Amino acid sequence: MDFRIFKPQGVLKDHVQGIWSLSVSPDRVVEEKKLLFSDAGSGIMFNLGGDVCFGNHCHPEGVMIMPNSKEAQYVTLPPGTVLAGIRFHPGMGYSVLGKRFDHPVTIADEPEHLCFLEPLQQQLRHCRCHQARIATLYRWMKRHLDPDDSARHTITEIVKAVQPHSRHHPIPVSTRQIERHFQKWMGMTPKYYQRILRVKQSLELIQLSPDIPLADLAAEQGFSDQAHMTREFSHIAKITPKQYSLLVKKKQVQSR
């Protein structure tokens, strides 16, 4: 599998996590299967070749709006797969698309709301490499994002304000308003978002230091104990901390 990602700076930085392109060689004998961890973000995926399966649901070629990620899921990529997409920061998918989607949808599912993505899909079909697909998506995003939009600024500030250890100044909205905003933009509570972030940060620490004592990691990340961390991992990441640590170590050995 060949995967490339570009992380924008400047005006797109607070809105877009990454613009990416992926391909699987048609010469592969078996399909690729990857576990995608939850990040609470959403995205637009352009399937340019191959039937891609997320969990038990397969998606043919075309445009797919991916909902806010609440739990990890497996993606299965057959030989010859070509994908590209835009991954939004939490809450920003609602801002760009004007609606929250609670499950994957295609242009055919909501033609009036998503038809503006059809020309972009056609442009991507003519791109022959990762760089061309990423550049096409970047230019499109720059044209369709108003950096001075006050609504987007509000989303950014509120989402950042509820992050653990946030140093942002308090925002002039009540806790109840924040709850309503999170449900409207992301379909989850601020508390659940914080749970996702804590598991995500713990996964990143294991990735960096797979030999870290798990009891120490649990205490450092604010879990009540190691058992609590394991339960949260099992629910949100679909893998235990110990299993992930062993997986990281195995990959490190294979790469030597």
C-alpha atoms as a PDB file:
ATOM      1  CA  MET A   1       0.000   0.000   0.000  1.00  0.00           C
ATOM      2  CA  ASP A   2       1.297   3.443  -0.946  1.00  0.00           C
ATOM      3  CA  PHE A   3      -0.097   6.263   1.210  1.00  0.00           C
ATOM      4  CA  ARG A   4       0.743   9.970   1.036  1.00  0.00           C
ATOM      5  CA  ILE A   5      -0.626  12.770   3.216  1.00  0.00           C
ATOM      6  CA  PHE A   6      -0.207  16.533   3.157  1.00  0.00           C
ATOM      7  CA  LYS A   7      -0.939  18.503   6.329  1.00  0.00           C
ATOM      8  CA  PRO A   8      -1.873  22.078   5.372  1.00  0.00           C
ATOM      9  CA  GLN A   9      -0.533  25.119   7.133  1.00  0.00           C
ATOM     10  CA  GLY A  10      -1.815  28.692   6.994  1.00  0.00           C
ATOM     11  CA  VAL A  11      -5.552  29.291   6.593  1.00  0.00           C
ATOM     12  CA  LEU A  12      -6.389  25.594   6.214  1.00  0.00           C
ATOM     13  CA  LYS A  13      -4.509  24.415   9.295  1.00  0.00           C
ATOM     14  CA  ASP A  14      -7.389  24.774  11.781  1.00  0.00           C
ATOM     15  CA  HIS A  15      -9.900  23.188   9.400  1.00  0.00           C
ATOM     16  CA  VAL A  16      -8.151  20.316   7.632  1.00  0.00           C
ATOM     17  CA  GLN A  17      -6.155  17.557   9.347  1.00  0.00           C
ATOM     18  CA  GLY A  18      -4.821  16.221   6.095  1.00  0.00           C
ATOM     19  CA  ILE A  19      -5.270  15.878   2.350  1.00  0.00           C
ATOM     20  CA  TRP A  20      -4.334  12.357   1.304  1.00  0.00           C
ATOM     21  CA  SER A  21      -3.962   9.884  -1.530  1.00  0.00           C
ATOM     22  CA  LEU A  22      -3.676   6.099  -1.371  1.00  0.00           C
ATOM     23  CA  SER A  23      -3.175   3.265  -3.806  1.00  0.00           C
ATOM     24  CA  VAL A  24      -2.833  -0.507  -3.618  1.00  0.00           C
ATOM     25  CA  SER A  25      -0.865  -2.233  -6.342  1.00  0.00           C
ATOM     26  CA  PRO A  26      -3.050  -4.244  -8.742  1.00  0.00           C
ATOM     27  CA  ASP A  27      -0.337  -6.920  -8.606  1.00  0.00           C
ATOM     28  CA  ARG A  28      -1.002  -7.718  -4.951  1.00  0.00           C
ATOM     29  CA  VAL A  29      -2.277 -11.230  -4.373  1.00  0.00           C
ATOM     30  CA  VAL A  30      -4.303 -10.436  -1.263  1.00  0.00           C
ATOM     31  CA  GLU A  31      -6.273  -7.423  -0.067  1.00  0.00           C
ATOM     32  CA  GLU A  32      -4.958  -4.920   2.481  1.00  0.00           C
ATOM     33  CA  LYS A  33      -6.715  -4.723   5.851  1.00  0.00           C
ATOM     34  CA  LYS A  34      -6.010  -1.853   8.226  1.00  0.00           C
ATOM     35  CA  LEU A  35      -7.431  -0.729  11.570  1.00  0.00           C
ATOM     36  CA  LEU A  36      -8.348   2.963  11.413  1.00  0.00           C
ATOM     37  CA  PHE A  37      -8.361   4.552  14.851  1.00  0.00           C
ATOM     38  CA  SER A  38     -10.973   7.082  15.897  1.00  0.00           C
ATOM     39  CA  ASP A  39     -10.040  10.780  15.839  1.00  0.00           C
ATOM     40  CA  ALA A  40     -13.548  12.339  16.102  1.00  0.00           C
ATOM     41  CA  GLY A  41     -12.984  13.901  12.676  1.00  0.00           C
ATOM     42  CA  SER A  42     -14.951  13.470   9.464  1.00  0.00           C
ATOM     43  CA  GLY A  43     -14.050  13.595   5.815  1.00  0.00           C
ATOM     44  CA  ILE A  44     -14.737  13.364   2.110  1.00  0.00           C
ATOM     45  CA  MET A  45     -13.412  10.238   0.407  1.00  0.00           C
ATOM     46  CA  PHE A  46     -13.129   9.811  -3.365  1.00  0.00           C
ATOM     47  CA  ASN A  47     -13.043   6.162  -4.389  1.00  0.00           C
ATOM     48  CA  LEU A  48     -11.371   6.103  -7.809  1.00  0.00           C
ATOM     49  CA  GLY A  49     -11.036   2.350  -8.142  1.00  0.00           C
ATOM     50  CA  GLY A  50     -12.004  -0.793  -6.237  1.00  0.00           C
ATOM     51  CA  ASP A  51     -14.777  -1.749  -3.809  1.00  0.00           C
ATOM     52  CA  VAL A  52     -13.578  -0.545  -0.397  1.00  0.00           C
ATOM     53  CA  CYS A  53     -15.089  -2.013   2.771  1.00  0.00           C
ATOM     54  CA  PHE A  54     -15.380  -0.203   6.094  1.00  0.00           C
ATOM     55  CA  GLY A  55     -16.401  -2.787   8.656  1.00  0.00           C
ATOM     56  CA  ASN A  56     -19.148  -4.850   7.018  1.00  0.00           C
ATOM     57  CA  HIS A  57     -20.176  -2.158   4.518  1.00  0.00           C
ATOM     58  CA  CYS A  58     -18.649  -2.065   1.029  1.00  0.00           C
ATOM     59  CA  HIS A  59     -18.521   1.133  -1.002  1.00  0.00           C
ATOM     60  CA  PRO A  60     -18.094   1.166  -4.794  1.00  0.00           C
ATOM     61  CA  GLU A  61     -16.404   3.896  -6.823  1.00  0.00           C
ATOM     62  CA  GLY A  62     -17.668   7.411  -6.206  1.00  0.00           C
ATOM     63  CA  VAL A  63     -17.782  10.118  -3.549  1.00  0.00           C
ATOM     64  CA  MET A  64     -18.320   9.100   0.068  1.00  0.00           C
ATOM     65  CA  ILE A  65     -18.951  11.442   2.996  1.00  0.00           C
ATOM     66  CA  MET A  66     -17.436   9.836   6.067  1.00  0.00           C
ATOM     67  CA  PRO A  67     -19.145  10.711   9.384  1.00  0.00           C
ATOM     68  CA  ASN A  68     -17.406  11.786  12.573  1.00  0.00           C
ATOM     69  CA  SER A  69     -15.267   8.872  13.722  1.00  0.00           C
ATOM     70  CA  LYS A  70     -16.445   7.633  17.127  1.00  0.00           C
ATOM     71  CA  GLU A  71     -14.812   4.197  17.222  1.00  0.00           C
ATOM     72  CA  ALA A  72     -12.038   2.414  15.345  1.00  0.00           C
ATOM     73  CA  GLN A  73     -12.994   0.282  12.358  1.00  0.00           C
ATOM     74  CA  TYR A  74     -11.265  -1.990   9.875  1.00  0.00           C
ATOM     75  CA  VAL A  75     -10.930  -0.934   6.256  1.00  0.00           C
ATOM     76  CA  THR A  76     -10.379  -3.569   3.565  1.00  0.00           C
ATOM     77  CA  LEU A  77      -8.629  -2.451   0.372  1.00  0.00           C
ATOM     78  CA  PRO A  78      -8.574  -4.820  -2.625  1.00  0.00           C
ATOM     79  CA  PRO A  79      -5.726  -4.845  -5.157  1.00  0.00           C
ATOM     80  CA  GLY A  80      -6.010  -1.886  -7.537  1.00  0.00           C
ATOM     81  CA  THR A  81      -7.668   0.421  -5.008  1.00  0.00           C
ATOM     82  CA  VAL A  82      -7.153   4.156  -5.609  1.00  0.00           C
ATOM     83  CA  LEU A  83      -8.484   6.596  -3.010  1.00  0.00           C
ATOM     84  CA  ALA A  84      -8.051  10.267  -2.201  1.00  0.00           C
ATOM     85  CA  GLY A  85      -9.669  12.509   0.338  1.00  0.00           C
ATOM     86  CA  ILE A  86      -9.856  15.392   2.764  1.00  0.00           C
ATOM     87  CA  ARG A  87      -9.833  14.745   6.512  1.00  0.00           C
ATOM     88  CA  PHE A  88     -11.443  17.508   8.554  1.00  0.00           C
ATOM     89  CA  HIS A  89     -10.733  18.442  12.136  1.00  0.00           C
ATOM     90  CA  PRO A  90     -13.607  17.596  14.528  1.00  0.00           C
ATOM     91  CA  GLY A  91     -16.614  19.802  13.773  1.00  0.00           C
ATOM     92  CA  MET A  92     -15.239  21.174  10.506  1.00  0.00           C
ATOM     93  CA  GLY A  93     -17.061  18.705   8.270  1.00  0.00           C
ATOM     94  CA  TYR A  94     -20.320  20.287   9.385  1.00  0.00           C
ATOM     95  CA  SER A  95     -18.913  23.724   8.633  1.00  0.00           C
ATOM     96  CA  VAL A  96     -17.776  22.881   5.093  1.00  0.00           C
ATOM     97  CA  LEU A  97     -20.676  20.625   4.067  1.00  0.00           C
ATOM     98  CA  GLY A  98     -23.423  22.473   5.955  1.00  0.00           C
ATOM     99  CA  LYS A  99     -24.730  19.307   7.568  1.00  0.00           C
ATOM    100  CA  ARG A 100     -23.749  16.544   9.981  1.00  0.00           C
ATOM    101  CA  PHE A 101     -23.748  13.038   8.569  1.00  0.00           C
ATOM    102  CA  ASP A 102     -24.220  10.141  11.000  1.00  0.00           C
ATOM    103  CA  HIS A 103     -23.347   7.387   8.524  1.00  0.00           C
ATOM    104  CA  PRO A 104     -21.481   7.187   5.203  1.00  0.00           C
ATOM    105  CA  VAL A 105     -23.475   8.729   2.346  1.00  0.00           C
ATOM    106  CA  THR A 106     -22.916   9.116  -1.388  1.00  0.00           C
ATOM    107  CA  ILE A 107     -23.946  11.780  -3.881  1.00  0.00           C
ATOM    108  CA  ALA A 108     -26.755   9.433  -4.956  1.00  0.00           C
ATOM    109  CA  ASP A 109     -28.065   9.419  -1.369  1.00  0.00           C
ATOM    110  CA  GLU A 110     -28.259  13.232  -1.217  1.00  0.00           C
ATOM    111  CA  PRO A 111     -27.935  14.536  -4.788  1.00  0.00           C
ATOM    112  CA  GLU A 112     -29.201  18.052  -4.068  1.00  0.00           C
ATOM    113  CA  HIS A 113     -26.877  18.565  -1.125  1.00  0.00           C
ATOM    114  CA  LEU A 114     -23.719  16.928  -2.493  1.00  0.00           C
ATOM    115  CA  CYS A 115     -23.875  17.402  -6.258  1.00  0.00           C
ATOM    116  CA  PHE A 116     -21.220  20.151  -6.040  1.00  0.00           C
ATOM    117  CA  LEU A 117     -18.641  17.398  -5.384  1.00  0.00           C
ATOM    118  CA  GLU A 118     -19.234  15.650  -8.728  1.00  0.00           C
ATOM    119  CA  PRO A 119     -16.906  17.937 -10.779  1.00  0.00           C
ATOM    120  CA  LEU A 120     -14.137  17.385  -8.236  1.00  0.00           C
ATOM    121  CA  GLN A 121     -14.553  13.625  -8.558  1.00  0.00           C
ATOM    122  CA  GLN A 122     -14.178  13.941 -12.340  1.00  0.00           C
ATOM    123  CA  GLN A 123     -11.024  16.045 -11.970  1.00  0.00           C
ATOM    124  CA  LEU A 124      -9.473  13.446  -9.689  1.00  0.00           C
ATOM    125  CA  ARG A 125     -10.165  10.684 -12.202  1.00  0.00           C
ATOM    126  CA  HIS A 126      -7.751  12.405 -14.596  1.00  0.00           C
ATOM    127  CA  CYS A 127      -4.948  12.612 -12.006  1.00  0.00           C
ATOM    128  CA  ARG A 128      -2.280   9.954 -12.474  1.00  0.00           C
ATOM    129  CA  CYS A 129      -0.250  10.291  -9.268  1.00  0.00           C
ATOM    130  CA  HIS A 130      -0.510  11.098  -5.557  1.00  0.00           C
ATOM    131  CA  GLN A 131       0.935  14.569  -5.971  1.00  0.00           C
ATOM    132  CA  ALA A 132      -1.622  15.544  -8.632  1.00  0.00           C
ATOM    133  CA  ARG A 133      -4.557  14.281  -6.547  1.00  0.00           C
ATOM    134  CA  ILE A 134      -3.371  16.078  -3.408  1.00  0.00           C
ATOM    135  CA  ALA A 135      -2.734  19.302  -5.331  1.00  0.00           C
ATOM    136  CA  THR A 136      -6.219  19.133  -6.903  1.00  0.00           C
ATOM    137  CA  LEU A 137      -7.883  18.674  -3.510  1.00  0.00           C
ATOM    138  CA  TYR A 138      -5.777  21.425  -1.944  1.00  0.00           C
ATOM    139  CA  ARG A 139      -6.757  23.948  -4.634  1.00  0.00           C
ATOM    140  CA  TRP A 140     -10.437  22.980  -4.271  1.00  0.00           C
ATOM    141  CA  MET A 141     -10.304  23.368  -0.502  1.00  0.00           C
ATOM    142  CA  LYS A 142      -8.655  26.787  -0.787  1.00  0.00           C
ATOM    143  CA  ARG A 143     -11.428  27.959  -3.127  1.00  0.00           C
ATOM    144  CA  HIS A 144     -14.257  26.658  -0.944  1.00  0.00           C
ATOM    145  CA  LEU A 145     -13.052  27.814   2.458  1.00  0.00           C
ATOM    146  CA  ASP A 146     -13.620  31.348   3.667  1.00  0.00           C
ATOM    147  CA  PRO A 147     -10.919  31.913   6.332  1.00  0.00           C
ATOM    148  CA  ASP A 148     -12.883  34.858   7.749  1.00  0.00           C
ATOM    149  CA  ASP A 149     -16.076  32.852   8.333  1.00  0.00           C
ATOM    150  CA  SER A 150     -17.058  33.586  11.947  1.00  0.00           C
ATOM    151  CA  ALA A 151     -18.997  30.307  12.275  1.00  0.00           C
ATOM    152  CA  ARG A 152     -15.874  28.277  11.522  1.00  0.00           C
ATOM    153  CA  HIS A 153     -13.898  30.353  13.998  1.00  0.00           C
ATOM    154  CA  THR A 154     -16.528  29.610  16.670  1.00  0.00           C
ATOM    155  CA  ILE A 155     -16.336  25.856  15.997  1.00  0.00           C
ATOM    156  CA  THR A 156     -12.547  25.926  16.248  1.00  0.00           C
ATOM    157  CA  GLU A 157     -12.563  27.819  19.534  1.00  0.00           C
ATOM    158  CA  ILE A 158     -15.252  25.687  21.197  1.00  0.00           C
ATOM    159  CA  VAL A 159     -13.721  22.358  20.160  1.00  0.00           C
ATOM    160  CA  LYS A 160     -10.256  23.450  21.303  1.00  0.00           C
ATOM    161  CA  ALA A 161     -11.630  24.759  24.597  1.00  0.00           C
ATOM    162  CA  VAL A 162     -12.902  21.337  25.732  1.00  0.00           C
ATOM    163  CA  GLN A 163      -9.653  19.533  24.965  1.00  0.00           C
ATOM    164  CA  PRO A 164      -7.823  18.235  28.053  1.00  0.00           C
ATOM    165  CA  HIS A 165      -5.231  20.649  29.437  1.00  0.00           C
ATOM    166  CA  SER A 166      -6.496  23.379  27.090  1.00  0.00           C
ATOM    167  CA  ARG A 167      -4.831  26.724  27.722  1.00  0.00           C
ATOM    168  CA  HIS A 168      -7.390  28.675  25.731  1.00  0.00           C
ATOM    169  CA  HIS A 169      -9.271  31.423  27.469  1.00  0.00           C
ATOM    170  CA  PRO A 170     -12.827  30.581  28.521  1.00  0.00           C
ATOM    171  CA  ILE A 171     -15.317  31.113  25.707  1.00  0.00           C
ATOM    172  CA  PRO A 172     -18.506  33.136  26.252  1.00  0.00           C
ATOM    173  CA  VAL A 173     -20.947  30.223  26.005  1.00  0.00           C
ATOM    174  CA  SER A 174     -22.482  28.040  28.675  1.00  0.00           C
ATOM    175  CA  THR A 175     -21.835  24.346  29.266  1.00  0.00           C
ATOM    176  CA  ARG A 176     -25.331  23.591  27.950  1.00  0.00           C
ATOM    177  CA  GLN A 177     -24.605  25.530  24.749  1.00  0.00           C
ATOM    178  CA  ILE A 178     -21.366  23.603  24.269  1.00  0.00           C
ATOM    179  CA  GLU A 179     -23.306  20.338  24.646  1.00  0.00           C
ATOM    180  CA  ARG A 180     -25.798  21.467  21.993  1.00  0.00           C
ATOM    181  CA  HIS A 181     -23.026  22.570  19.647  1.00  0.00           C
ATOM    182  CA  PHE A 182     -21.217  19.232  19.929  1.00  0.00           C
ATOM    183  CA  GLN A 183     -24.384  17.289  19.189  1.00  0.00           C
ATOM    184  CA  LYS A 184     -25.151  19.528  16.218  1.00  0.00           C
ATOM    185  CA  TRP A 185     -21.658  19.488  14.724  1.00  0.00           C
ATOM    186  CA  MET A 186     -20.355  16.046  15.684  1.00  0.00           C
ATOM    187  CA  GLY A 187     -23.162  13.892  17.066  1.00  0.00           C
ATOM    188  CA  MET A 188     -21.386  13.286  20.367  1.00  0.00           C
ATOM    189  CA  THR A 189     -20.981  14.868  23.788  1.00  0.00           C
ATOM    190  CA  PRO A 190     -17.892  16.872  24.803  1.00  0.00           C
ATOM    191  CA  LYS A 191     -17.146  14.162  27.370  1.00  0.00           C
ATOM    192  CA  TYR A 192     -17.132  11.432  24.728  1.00  0.00           C
ATOM    193  CA  TYR A 193     -14.876  13.598  22.552  1.00  0.00           C
ATOM    194  CA  GLN A 194     -12.458  13.866  25.479  1.00  0.00           C
ATOM    195  CA  ARG A 195     -12.505  10.057  25.837  1.00  0.00           C
ATOM    196  CA  ILE A 196     -11.553   9.710  22.163  1.00  0.00           C
ATOM    197  CA  LEU A 197      -8.708  12.194  22.571  1.00  0.00           C
ATOM    198  CA  ARG A 198      -7.357  10.408  25.638  1.00  0.00           C
ATOM    199  CA  VAL A 199      -7.266   7.051  23.855  1.00  0.00           C
ATOM    200  CA  LYS A 200      -5.763   8.678  20.743  1.00  0.00           C
ATOM    201  CA  GLN A 201      -2.988  10.322  22.777  1.00  0.00           C
ATOM    202  CA  SER A 202      -2.296   7.048  24.584  1.00  0.00           C
ATOM    203  CA  LEU A 203      -1.990   5.201  21.268  1.00  0.00           C
ATOM    204  CA  GLU A 204       0.501   7.799  20.065  1.00  0.00           C
ATOM    205  CA  LEU A 205       2.601   7.376  23.222  1.00  0.00           C
ATOM    206  CA  ILE A 206       2.655   3.588  22.784  1.00  0.00           C
ATOM    207  CA  GLN A 207       3.686   4.114  19.169  1.00  0.00           C
ATOM    208  CA  LEU A 208       6.635   6.191  20.351  1.00  0.00           C
ATOM    209  CA  SER A 209       7.520   4.003  23.364  1.00  0.00           C
ATOM    210  CA  PRO A 210       6.011   0.501  23.059  1.00  0.00           C
ATOM    211  CA  ASP A 211       7.859  -0.656  26.194  1.00  0.00           C
ATOM    212  CA  ILE A 212       6.235   1.971  28.412  1.00  0.00           C
ATOM    213  CA  PRO A 213       4.724   0.333  31.545  1.00  0.00           C
ATOM    214  CA  LEU A 214       0.981   0.340  30.968  1.00  0.00           C
ATOM    215  CA  ALA A 215       0.202   1.196  34.592  1.00  0.00           C
ATOM    216  CA  ASP A 216       2.385   4.286  34.246  1.00  0.00           C
ATOM    217  CA  LEU A 217       0.712   5.193  30.951  1.00  0.00           C
ATOM    218  CA  ALA A 218      -2.744   4.884  32.529  1.00  0.00           C
ATOM    219  CA  ALA A 219      -1.779   7.192  35.391  1.00  0.00           C
ATOM    220  CA  GLU A 220      -0.097   9.698  33.079  1.00  0.00           C
ATOM    221  CA  GLN A 221      -3.126   9.893  30.774  1.00  0.00           C
ATOM    222  CA  GLY A 222      -5.675  10.305  33.561  1.00  0.00           C
ATOM    223  CA  PHE A 223      -7.332   6.880  33.547  1.00  0.00           C
ATOM    224  CA  SER A 224      -8.470   5.695  36.974  1.00  0.00           C
ATOM    225  CA  ASP A 225      -6.299   2.577  36.596  1.00  0.00           C
ATOM    226  CA  GLN A 226      -4.915   0.186  33.981  1.00  0.00           C
ATOM    227  CA  ALA A 227      -8.164  -1.780  33.820  1.00  0.00           C
ATOM    228  CA  HIS A 228     -10.067   1.422  33.050  1.00  0.00           C
ATOM    229  CA  MET A 229      -7.606   2.212  30.237  1.00  0.00           C
ATOM    230  CA  THR A 230      -8.030  -1.285  28.790  1.00  0.00           C
ATOM    231  CA  ARG A 231     -11.821  -0.934  28.773  1.00  0.00           C
ATOM    232  CA  GLU A 232     -11.623   2.433  27.023  1.00  0.00           C
ATOM    233  CA  PHE A 233      -9.185   1.061  24.441  1.00  0.00           C
ATOM    234  CA  SER A 234     -11.382  -1.971  23.787  1.00  0.00           C
ATOM    235  CA  HIS A 235     -14.431   0.218  23.216  1.00  0.00           C
ATOM    236  CA  ILE A 236     -12.929   3.102  21.232  1.00  0.00           C
ATOM    237  CA  ALA A 237      -9.773   1.640  19.617  1.00  0.00           C
ATOM    238  CA  LYS A 238     -11.016  -1.972  19.264  1.00  0.00           C
ATOM    239  CA  ILE A 239      -7.664  -3.190  20.571  1.00  0.00           C
ATOM    240  CA  THR A 240      -6.171  -3.408  24.073  1.00  0.00           C
ATOM    241  CA  PRO A 241      -3.080  -1.409  25.096  1.00  0.00           C
ATOM    242  CA  LYS A 242      -1.090  -4.637  25.442  1.00  0.00           C
ATOM    243  CA  GLN A 243      -2.145  -5.864  21.996  1.00  0.00           C
ATOM    244  CA  TYR A 244      -1.214  -2.551  20.431  1.00  0.00           C
ATOM    245  CA  SER A 245       2.148  -2.487  22.188  1.00  0.00           C
ATOM    246  CA  LEU A 246       2.946  -5.968  20.848  1.00  0.00           C
ATOM    247  CA  LEU A 247       1.816  -4.924  17.363  1.00  0.00           C
ATOM    248  CA  VAL A 248       4.112  -1.880  17.385  1.00  0.00           C
ATOM    249  CA  LYS A 249       7.058  -4.000  18.551  1.00  0.00           C
ATOM    250  CA  LYS A 250       6.391  -6.565  15.815  1.00  0.00           C
ATOM    251  CA  LYS A 251       6.354  -3.860  13.123  1.00  0.00           C
ATOM    252  CA  GLN A 252       9.612  -2.411  14.466  1.00  0.00           C
ATOM    253  CA  VAL A 253      11.309  -5.806  14.220  1.00  0.00           C
ATOM    254  CA  GLN A 254       9.990  -6.370  10.683  1.00  0.00           C
ATOM    255  CA  SER A 255      11.269  -2.971   9.534  1.00  0.00           C
ATOM    256  CA  ARG A 256      14.860  -3.644  10.635  1.00  0.00           C
END
